[in-house]
Amino acid sequence: MEERVLDRREFLKRCWLAGGVILAAVELDGSPGLAAEPAAGAAPSGAYDATQHFYGMGVDVSKCIGCGRCMVACKTENNVPPEPQFVRTWVERYVIHAEGEPTVEAIEPGVERGAEPPRLSEKGILRTFFVPKLCSHCANAPCVQVCPVGATFTTKDGVVLVDKQYCIGCRYCIQACPYGARFLHPETHTAEKCTFCYHRVVKGLLPACVEVCPTGARVFGDLRARNSPLTRFVRFNEIQVLKGHLNTEPKVYYARLDREVS
């Protein structure tokens, strides 16, 4: 009988299902693997030092016009499935009513928006605004803590990534994320999320969503650089984060965020 050779993902999945999570901490050749960062998109050896950087993103809510270009650019750049339920970043429109709960809807780029929510009177709506959302790349990330095989990890420069070679599709990280920022890829059956376009960042480029934003609502930068756009953004604005009470230490910082946003 021909012997079947297991690939890495199948090997890890079997180890986990059998209760042998410790075995999954070693690659098939016996060398440590879970702590290593994926080679895909990484800069040549010596050209990029992750320890010298610590990345984050800022969002100025007052500048977002809900155009959805960030969503289109993200899907194109990262080969995200076209279906609307699969997104690495999305934009929500908030309608704050004079009475009752706010109305929240996710916009769909290229789709004609429906009519405004019903108005009781001219005073029925106090304000409307758009809020871009994405993975918060938490410094204390719950998704990293619950991954049974170490597929979700934090790089030395502060970016939370998923190593698809190790991910077994258990969905623990999806359930643990309080921001709803993860999904299971329908083809690879591995966890997907925003990566800050890490393959671009290590080459000195901006994330695709930041590059295409026509109003500069998104700001990306290195928190360890005193003159970076993000450092200045944090310094000159009153900063808020989503779900700050959970102590996940998000690294997506919002300016002029309405208290109704969660």
C-alpha atoms as a PDB file:
ATOM      1  CA  MET A   1       0.000   0.000   0.000  1.00  0.00           C
ATOM      2  CA  GLU A   2       1.308   3.431  -0.925  1.00  0.00           C
ATOM      3  CA  GLU A   3       2.178   5.479   2.152  1.00  0.00           C
ATOM      4  CA  ARG A   4       0.348   8.819   2.357  1.00  0.00           C
ATOM      5  CA  VAL A   5       2.515  11.790   3.240  1.00  0.00           C
ATOM      6  CA  LEU A   6       0.750  14.315   5.472  1.00  0.00           C
ATOM      7  CA  ASP A   7       1.142  17.991   4.795  1.00  0.00           C
ATOM      8  CA  ARG A   8       1.830  20.356   7.680  1.00  0.00           C
ATOM      9  CA  ARG A   9      -1.761  21.484   8.202  1.00  0.00           C
ATOM     10  CA  GLU A  10      -3.089  17.917   8.221  1.00  0.00           C
ATOM     11  CA  PHE A  11      -0.338  16.885  10.650  1.00  0.00           C
ATOM     12  CA  LEU A  12      -1.176  19.723  13.055  1.00  0.00           C
ATOM     13  CA  LYS A  13      -4.889  19.105  12.808  1.00  0.00           C
ATOM     14  CA  ARG A  14      -4.455  15.457  13.696  1.00  0.00           C
ATOM     15  CA  CYS A  15      -2.193  16.343  16.605  1.00  0.00           C
ATOM     16  CA  TRP A  16      -4.752  18.810  17.931  1.00  0.00           C
ATOM     17  CA  LEU A  17      -7.716  16.487  17.505  1.00  0.00           C
ATOM     18  CA  ALA A  18      -5.784  13.754  19.301  1.00  0.00           C
ATOM     19  CA  GLY A  19      -4.998  16.057  22.190  1.00  0.00           C
ATOM     20  CA  GLY A  20      -1.342  16.326  21.225  1.00  0.00           C
ATOM     21  CA  VAL A  21      -1.133  20.114  20.984  1.00  0.00           C
ATOM     22  CA  ILE A  22       2.432  20.059  22.273  1.00  0.00           C
ATOM     23  CA  LEU A  23       3.513  18.109  19.205  1.00  0.00           C
ATOM     24  CA  ALA A  24       2.182  20.885  17.029  1.00  0.00           C
ATOM     25  CA  ALA A  25       4.815  23.228  18.401  1.00  0.00           C
ATOM     26  CA  VAL A  26       7.435  21.489  16.293  1.00  0.00           C
ATOM     27  CA  GLU A  27       7.668  21.364  12.529  1.00  0.00           C
ATOM     28  CA  LEU A  28       7.829  18.086  10.679  1.00  0.00           C
ATOM     29  CA  ASP A  29      11.587  18.308  10.524  1.00  0.00           C
ATOM     30  CA  GLY A  30      11.777  18.733  14.300  1.00  0.00           C
ATOM     31  CA  SER A  31      12.719  22.402  14.325  1.00  0.00           C
ATOM     32  CA  PRO A  32      10.642  25.042  16.181  1.00  0.00           C
ATOM     33  CA  GLY A  33       8.090  26.568  13.867  1.00  0.00           C
ATOM     34  CA  LEU A  34       5.190  28.289  15.601  1.00  0.00           C
ATOM     35  CA  ALA A  35       7.181  31.303  16.728  1.00  0.00           C
ATOM     36  CA  ALA A  36       8.571  31.967  13.268  1.00  0.00           C
ATOM     37  CA  GLU A  37       6.979  34.607  11.081  1.00  0.00           C
ATOM     38  CA  PRO A  38       5.725  33.477   7.662  1.00  0.00           C
ATOM     39  CA  ALA A  39       8.190  33.999   4.861  1.00  0.00           C
ATOM     40  CA  ALA A  40       5.546  35.134   2.377  1.00  0.00           C
ATOM     41  CA  GLY A  41       5.962  38.833   1.692  1.00  0.00           C
ATOM     42  CA  ALA A  42       8.908  39.250   4.027  1.00  0.00           C
ATOM     43  CA  ALA A  43      11.807  41.450   3.037  1.00  0.00           C
ATOM     44  CA  PRO A  44      15.196  39.893   2.225  1.00  0.00           C
ATOM     45  CA  SER A  45      17.314  38.959   5.222  1.00  0.00           C
ATOM     46  CA  GLY A  46      18.870  42.039   6.796  1.00  0.00           C
ATOM     47  CA  ALA A  47      16.779  44.489   4.762  1.00  0.00           C
ATOM     48  CA  TYR A  48      14.018  44.882   7.322  1.00  0.00           C
ATOM     49  CA  ASP A  49      14.292  44.817  11.117  1.00  0.00           C
ATOM     50  CA  ALA A  50      10.889  44.209  12.704  1.00  0.00           C
ATOM     51  CA  THR A  51      12.187  45.055  16.180  1.00  0.00           C
ATOM     52  CA  GLN A  52      12.667  48.678  15.126  1.00  0.00           C
ATOM     53  CA  HIS A  53       8.968  49.243  14.347  1.00  0.00           C
ATOM     54  CA  PHE A  54       5.573  49.082  16.052  1.00  0.00           C
ATOM     55  CA  TYR A  55       2.679  49.673  13.697  1.00  0.00           C
ATOM     56  CA  GLY A  56      -0.831  50.974  14.164  1.00  0.00           C
ATOM     57  CA  MET A  57      -3.579  52.821  12.309  1.00  0.00           C
ATOM     58  CA  GLY A  58      -5.558  55.961  12.980  1.00  0.00           C
ATOM     59  CA  VAL A  59      -9.046  56.775  11.716  1.00  0.00           C
ATOM     60  CA  ASP A  60     -10.510  60.288  11.625  1.00  0.00           C
ATOM     61  CA  VAL A  61     -14.246  59.599  11.625  1.00  0.00           C
ATOM     62  CA  SER A  62     -15.055  63.165  10.581  1.00  0.00           C
ATOM     63  CA  LYS A  63     -13.212  62.664   7.274  1.00  0.00           C
ATOM     64  CA  CYS A  64     -14.799  59.364   6.188  1.00  0.00           C
ATOM     65  CA  ILE A  65     -17.358  59.888   3.389  1.00  0.00           C
ATOM     66  CA  GLY A  66     -18.405  56.256   3.051  1.00  0.00           C
ATOM     67  CA  CYS A  67     -17.113  55.882  -0.504  1.00  0.00           C
ATOM     68  CA  GLY A  68     -15.982  52.301   0.096  1.00  0.00           C
ATOM     69  CA  ARG A  69     -12.751  52.646  -1.883  1.00  0.00           C
ATOM     70  CA  CYS A  70     -10.846  51.196   1.064  1.00  0.00           C
ATOM     71  CA  MET A  71     -12.967  48.045   0.915  1.00  0.00           C
ATOM     72  CA  VAL A  72     -12.478  47.605  -2.826  1.00  0.00           C
ATOM     73  CA  ALA A  73      -8.723  48.172  -2.561  1.00  0.00           C
ATOM     74  CA  CYS A  74      -8.442  45.691   0.300  1.00  0.00           C
ATOM     75  CA  LYS A  75     -10.281  42.952  -1.590  1.00  0.00           C
ATOM     76  CA  THR A  76      -8.208  43.544  -4.719  1.00  0.00           C
ATOM     77  CA  GLU A  77      -4.853  43.723  -2.966  1.00  0.00           C
ATOM     78  CA  ASN A  78      -5.406  40.680  -0.747  1.00  0.00           C
ATOM     79  CA  ASN A  79      -7.532  38.458  -3.007  1.00  0.00           C
ATOM     80  CA  VAL A  80     -10.440  38.486  -0.576  1.00  0.00           C
ATOM     81  CA  PRO A  81     -13.470  36.503  -1.829  1.00  0.00           C
ATOM     82  CA  PRO A  82     -15.927  38.803  -3.669  1.00  0.00           C
ATOM     83  CA  GLU A  83     -18.980  37.913  -1.573  1.00  0.00           C
ATOM     84  CA  PRO A  84     -19.978  40.802   0.736  1.00  0.00           C
ATOM     85  CA  GLN A  85     -19.808  38.683   3.890  1.00  0.00           C
ATOM     86  CA  PHE A  86     -16.057  38.223   3.439  1.00  0.00           C
ATOM     87  CA  VAL A  87     -14.263  41.451   4.352  1.00  0.00           C
ATOM     88  CA  ARG A  88     -10.999  42.393   6.018  1.00  0.00           C
ATOM     89  CA  THR A  89     -12.160  45.951   6.459  1.00  0.00           C
ATOM     90  CA  TRP A  90     -15.617  47.465   6.238  1.00  0.00           C
ATOM     91  CA  VAL A  91     -17.443  50.764   6.730  1.00  0.00           C
ATOM     92  CA  GLU A  92     -20.600  51.210   8.795  1.00  0.00           C
ATOM     93  CA  ARG A  93     -23.062  54.073   8.526  1.00  0.00           C
ATOM     94  CA  TYR A  94     -24.506  55.269  11.817  1.00  0.00           C
ATOM     95  CA  VAL A  95     -27.776  57.181  11.982  1.00  0.00           C
ATOM     96  CA  ILE A  96     -28.349  58.770  15.367  1.00  0.00           C
ATOM     97  CA  HIS A  97     -32.040  59.322  16.087  1.00  0.00           C
ATOM     98  CA  ALA A  98     -33.444  61.879  18.480  1.00  0.00           C
ATOM     99  CA  GLU A  99     -35.323  59.066  20.132  1.00  0.00           C
ATOM    100  CA  GLY A 100     -34.558  55.359  20.196  1.00  0.00           C
ATOM    101  CA  GLU A 101     -31.528  53.274  19.285  1.00  0.00           C
ATOM    102  CA  PRO A 102     -29.098  54.319  16.533  1.00  0.00           C
ATOM    103  CA  THR A 103     -29.410  52.611  13.158  1.00  0.00           C
ATOM    104  CA  VAL A 104     -26.261  50.899  11.871  1.00  0.00           C
ATOM    105  CA  GLU A 105     -25.741  49.443   8.414  1.00  0.00           C
ATOM    106  CA  ALA A 106     -22.659  48.190   6.594  1.00  0.00           C
ATOM    107  CA  ILE A 107     -22.189  49.848   3.231  1.00  0.00           C
ATOM    108  CA  GLU A 108     -21.541  47.818   0.069  1.00  0.00           C
ATOM    109  CA  PRO A 109     -19.269  49.473  -2.515  1.00  0.00           C
ATOM    110  CA  GLY A 110     -20.780  49.602  -5.973  1.00  0.00           C
ATOM    111  CA  VAL A 111     -24.292  48.976  -4.680  1.00  0.00           C
ATOM    112  CA  GLU A 112     -26.805  51.791  -4.855  1.00  0.00           C
ATOM    113  CA  ARG A 113     -27.683  52.821  -1.327  1.00  0.00           C
ATOM    114  CA  GLY A 114     -31.275  52.610  -0.275  1.00  0.00           C
ATOM    115  CA  ALA A 115     -33.328  55.538   0.944  1.00  0.00           C
ATOM    116  CA  GLU A 116     -32.542  57.215   4.209  1.00  0.00           C
ATOM    117  CA  PRO A 117     -34.075  55.542   7.263  1.00  0.00           C
ATOM    118  CA  PRO A 118     -37.668  56.690   7.874  1.00  0.00           C
ATOM    119  CA  ARG A 119     -37.894  60.158   9.383  1.00  0.00           C
ATOM    120  CA  LEU A 120     -40.595  61.095  11.827  1.00  0.00           C
ATOM    121  CA  SER A 121     -39.823  64.744  11.263  1.00  0.00           C
ATOM    122  CA  GLU A 122     -36.968  67.027  10.325  1.00  0.00           C
ATOM    123  CA  LYS A 123     -35.848  66.677  13.929  1.00  0.00           C
ATOM    124  CA  GLY A 124     -36.112  62.882  13.880  1.00  0.00           C
ATOM    125  CA  ILE A 125     -32.414  62.392  13.040  1.00  0.00           C
ATOM    126  CA  LEU A 126     -29.665  64.150  14.935  1.00  0.00           C
ATOM    127  CA  ARG A 127     -26.684  63.180  12.769  1.00  0.00           C
ATOM    128  CA  THR A 128     -25.240  60.529  10.465  1.00  0.00           C
ATOM    129  CA  PHE A 129     -21.624  59.509   9.974  1.00  0.00           C
ATOM    130  CA  PHE A 130     -19.425  56.686   8.699  1.00  0.00           C
ATOM    131  CA  VAL A 131     -17.050  54.547  10.754  1.00  0.00           C
ATOM    132  CA  PRO A 132     -14.363  52.383   9.079  1.00  0.00           C
ATOM    133  CA  LYS A 133     -13.624  49.183  10.989  1.00  0.00           C
ATOM    134  CA  LEU A 134     -10.996  46.453  10.764  1.00  0.00           C
ATOM    135  CA  CYS A 135      -8.881  44.154  12.914  1.00  0.00           C
ATOM    136  CA  SER A 136      -7.549  46.224  15.811  1.00  0.00           C
ATOM    137  CA  HIS A 137      -4.223  44.335  15.949  1.00  0.00           C
ATOM    138  CA  CYS A 138      -4.533  44.224  19.717  1.00  0.00           C
ATOM    139  CA  ALA A 139      -1.394  44.172  21.826  1.00  0.00           C
ATOM    140  CA  ASN A 140      -3.282  41.830  24.158  1.00  0.00           C
ATOM    141  CA  ALA A 141      -5.089  39.900  21.425  1.00  0.00           C
ATOM    142  CA  PRO A 142      -7.675  37.287  22.513  1.00  0.00           C
ATOM    143  CA  CYS A 143      -7.332  35.515  19.157  1.00  0.00           C
ATOM    144  CA  VAL A 144      -3.655  34.846  19.822  1.00  0.00           C
ATOM    145  CA  GLN A 145      -4.411  33.513  23.282  1.00  0.00           C
ATOM    146  CA  VAL A 146      -7.022  30.965  22.187  1.00  0.00           C
ATOM    147  CA  CYS A 147      -5.348  29.536  19.076  1.00  0.00           C
ATOM    148  CA  PRO A 148      -4.528  25.913  19.986  1.00  0.00           C
ATOM    149  CA  VAL A 149      -1.689  25.537  17.460  1.00  0.00           C
ATOM    150  CA  GLY A 150      -0.113  28.999  17.439  1.00  0.00           C
ATOM    151  CA  ALA A 151      -1.264  29.802  13.917  1.00  0.00           C
ATOM    152  CA  THR A 152      -2.365  33.264  15.028  1.00  0.00           C
ATOM    153  CA  PHE A 153       0.578  35.232  16.345  1.00  0.00           C
ATOM    154  CA  THR A 154       1.901  38.759  16.853  1.00  0.00           C
ATOM    155  CA  THR A 155       4.956  39.903  14.938  1.00  0.00           C
ATOM    156  CA  LYS A 156       7.753  41.802  16.602  1.00  0.00           C
ATOM    157  CA  ASP A 157       6.501  44.975  14.934  1.00  0.00           C
ATOM    158  CA  GLY A 158       3.018  44.611  16.452  1.00  0.00           C
ATOM    159  CA  VAL A 159       0.984  43.115  13.592  1.00  0.00           C
ATOM    160  CA  VAL A 160      -1.342  40.177  14.289  1.00  0.00           C
ATOM    161  CA  LEU A 161      -1.096  37.596  11.501  1.00  0.00           C
ATOM    162  CA  VAL A 162      -2.332  34.100  10.671  1.00  0.00           C
ATOM    163  CA  ASP A 163       0.046  31.441   9.380  1.00  0.00           C
ATOM    164  CA  LYS A 164      -2.120  29.472   6.961  1.00  0.00           C
ATOM    165  CA  GLN A 165       0.295  26.538   7.040  1.00  0.00           C
ATOM    166  CA  TYR A 166      -0.551  25.980  10.695  1.00  0.00           C
ATOM    167  CA  CYS A 167      -4.198  27.083  10.861  1.00  0.00           C
ATOM    168  CA  ILE A 168      -6.531  24.095  11.247  1.00  0.00           C
ATOM    169  CA  GLY A 169      -9.756  26.051  10.802  1.00  0.00           C
ATOM    170  CA  CYS A 170     -11.070  25.423  14.315  1.00  0.00           C
ATOM    171  CA  ARG A 171     -12.690  28.912  14.420  1.00  0.00           C
ATOM    172  CA  TYR A 172     -11.629  29.567  18.022  1.00  0.00           C
ATOM    173  CA  CYS A 173     -10.020  32.867  17.012  1.00  0.00           C
ATOM    174  CA  ILE A 174     -13.149  33.917  15.120  1.00  0.00           C
ATOM    175  CA  GLN A 175     -15.257  33.362  18.216  1.00  0.00           C
ATOM    176  CA  ALA A 176     -12.742  35.083  20.497  1.00  0.00           C
ATOM    177  CA  CYS A 177     -12.426  38.293  18.455  1.00  0.00           C
ATOM    178  CA  PRO A 178     -14.677  40.934  20.054  1.00  0.00           C
ATOM    179  CA  TYR A 179     -14.573  43.076  16.908  1.00  0.00           C
ATOM    180  CA  GLY A 180     -15.973  40.552  14.433  1.00  0.00           C
ATOM    181  CA  ALA A 181     -12.883  41.082  12.309  1.00  0.00           C
ATOM    182  CA  ARG A 182     -12.239  37.470  11.261  1.00  0.00           C
ATOM    183  CA  PHE A 183     -13.831  34.983   8.911  1.00  0.00           C
ATOM    184  CA  LEU A 184     -13.089  31.514   7.591  1.00  0.00           C
ATOM    185  CA  HIS A 185     -11.912  31.542   3.992  1.00  0.00           C
ATOM    186  CA  PRO A 186     -14.366  29.461   1.925  1.00  0.00           C
ATOM    187  CA  GLU A 187     -11.615  27.831  -0.144  1.00  0.00           C
ATOM    188  CA  THR A 188      -8.616  27.443   2.160  1.00  0.00           C
ATOM    189  CA  HIS A 189     -10.753  26.893   5.286  1.00  0.00           C
ATOM    190  CA  THR A 190      -8.291  28.957   7.299  1.00  0.00           C
ATOM    191  CA  ALA A 191      -8.861  32.087   9.345  1.00  0.00           C
ATOM    192  CA  GLU A 192      -8.663  35.395   7.456  1.00  0.00           C
ATOM    193  CA  LYS A 193      -8.332  38.968   8.709  1.00  0.00           C
ATOM    194  CA  CYS A 194      -6.716  42.321   8.061  1.00  0.00           C
ATOM    195  CA  THR A 195      -2.921  42.160   8.045  1.00  0.00           C
ATOM    196  CA  PHE A 196      -2.268  45.908   7.660  1.00  0.00           C
ATOM    197  CA  CYS A 197      -1.116  44.713   4.192  1.00  0.00           C
ATOM    198  CA  TYR A 198       2.005  43.414   5.905  1.00  0.00           C
ATOM    199  CA  HIS A 199       3.529  42.353   2.602  1.00  0.00           C
ATOM    200  CA  ARG A 200       3.478  46.018   1.583  1.00  0.00           C
ATOM    201  CA  VAL A 201       4.486  47.494   4.927  1.00  0.00           C
ATOM    202  CA  VAL A 202       7.761  45.560   5.156  1.00  0.00           C
ATOM    203  CA  LYS A 203       8.673  47.073   1.781  1.00  0.00           C
ATOM    204  CA  GLY A 204       8.025  50.608   3.003  1.00  0.00           C
ATOM    205  CA  LEU A 205       4.588  50.931   1.362  1.00  0.00           C
ATOM    206  CA  LEU A 206       1.272  51.942   2.898  1.00  0.00           C
ATOM    207  CA  PRO A 207      -1.635  49.528   3.380  1.00  0.00           C
ATOM    208  CA  ALA A 208      -3.882  49.564   0.316  1.00  0.00           C
ATOM    209  CA  CYS A 209      -6.850  51.044   2.213  1.00  0.00           C
ATOM    210  CA  VAL A 210      -4.745  53.979   3.409  1.00  0.00           C
ATOM    211  CA  GLU A 211      -3.253  54.623   0.001  1.00  0.00           C
ATOM    212  CA  VAL A 212      -6.605  54.942  -1.792  1.00  0.00           C
ATOM    213  CA  CYS A 213      -8.560  56.937   0.819  1.00  0.00           C
ATOM    214  CA  PRO A 214      -9.470  60.199  -0.972  1.00  0.00           C
ATOM    215  CA  THR A 215      -9.947  62.239   2.209  1.00  0.00           C
ATOM    216  CA  GLY A 216      -7.086  60.976   4.362  1.00  0.00           C
ATOM    217  CA  ALA A 217      -9.464  59.451   6.888  1.00  0.00           C
ATOM    218  CA  ARG A 218      -7.037  56.592   7.488  1.00  0.00           C
ATOM    219  CA  VAL A 219      -3.541  57.180   8.822  1.00  0.00           C
ATOM    220  CA  PHE A 220      -0.876  54.480   9.111  1.00  0.00           C
ATOM    221  CA  GLY A 221       2.464  54.706  10.793  1.00  0.00           C
ATOM    222  CA  ASP A 222       5.132  53.576  13.198  1.00  0.00           C
ATOM    223  CA  LEU A 223       4.407  54.385  16.832  1.00  0.00           C
ATOM    224  CA  ARG A 224       8.127  54.224  17.609  1.00  0.00           C
ATOM    225  CA  ALA A 225       8.920  57.007  15.139  1.00  0.00           C
ATOM    226  CA  ARG A 226       8.332  60.448  16.657  1.00  0.00           C
ATOM    227  CA  ASN A 227       7.647  62.047  13.279  1.00  0.00           C
ATOM    228  CA  SER A 228       5.426  59.358  11.731  1.00  0.00           C
ATOM    229  CA  PRO A 229       1.925  60.352  10.570  1.00  0.00           C
ATOM    230  CA  LEU A 230       0.351  58.063  13.180  1.00  0.00           C
ATOM    231  CA  THR A 231       2.438  59.447  16.033  1.00  0.00           C
ATOM    232  CA  ARG A 232       1.332  62.963  15.116  1.00  0.00           C
ATOM    233  CA  PHE A 233      -2.268  61.793  14.748  1.00  0.00           C
ATOM    234  CA  VAL A 234      -2.256  60.343  18.253  1.00  0.00           C
ATOM    235  CA  ARG A 235      -0.488  63.357  19.714  1.00  0.00           C
ATOM    236  CA  PHE A 236      -2.820  66.006  18.289  1.00  0.00           C
ATOM    237  CA  ASN A 237      -6.183  64.278  18.691  1.00  0.00           C
ATOM    238  CA  GLU A 238      -8.327  63.031  21.510  1.00  0.00           C
ATOM    239  CA  ILE A 239      -8.015  59.303  20.909  1.00  0.00           C
ATOM    240  CA  GLN A 240     -10.570  56.562  21.485  1.00  0.00           C
ATOM    241  CA  VAL A 241     -10.559  52.850  20.727  1.00  0.00           C
ATOM    242  CA  LEU A 242     -13.356  50.372  20.152  1.00  0.00           C
ATOM    243  CA  LYS A 243     -14.389  48.276  23.170  1.00  0.00           C
ATOM    244  CA  GLY A 244     -11.638  49.746  25.323  1.00  0.00           C
ATOM    245  CA  HIS A 245     -13.194  48.225  28.442  1.00  0.00           C
ATOM    246  CA  LEU A 246     -12.096  44.764  27.281  1.00  0.00           C
ATOM    247  CA  ASN A 247      -8.410  45.677  27.795  1.00  0.00           C
ATOM    248  CA  THR A 248      -7.311  44.144  24.505  1.00  0.00           C
ATOM    249  CA  GLU A 249      -5.086  47.200  23.882  1.00  0.00           C
ATOM    250  CA  PRO A 250      -6.214  47.910  20.288  1.00  0.00           C
ATOM    251  CA  LYS A 251      -3.811  49.628  17.911  1.00  0.00           C
ATOM    252  CA  VAL A 252      -6.487  51.173  15.690  1.00  0.00           C
ATOM    253  CA  TYR A 253      -7.033  54.651  17.105  1.00  0.00           C
ATOM    254  CA  TYR A 254     -10.093  56.794  16.407  1.00  0.00           C
ATOM    255  CA  ALA A 255     -10.471  60.562  16.468  1.00  0.00           C
ATOM    256  CA  ARG A 256     -13.895  62.224  16.821  1.00  0.00           C
ATOM    257  CA  LEU A 257     -15.613  58.903  17.522  1.00  0.00           C
ATOM    258  CA  ASP A 258     -19.223  59.228  18.655  1.00  0.00           C
ATOM    259  CA  ARG A 259     -20.059  57.620  21.984  1.00  0.00           C
ATOM    260  CA  GLU A 260     -22.796  55.610  20.277  1.00  0.00           C
ATOM    261  CA  VAL A 261     -20.218  53.590  18.348  1.00  0.00           C
ATOM    262  CA  SER A 262     -19.330  50.189  19.746  1.00  0.00           C
END
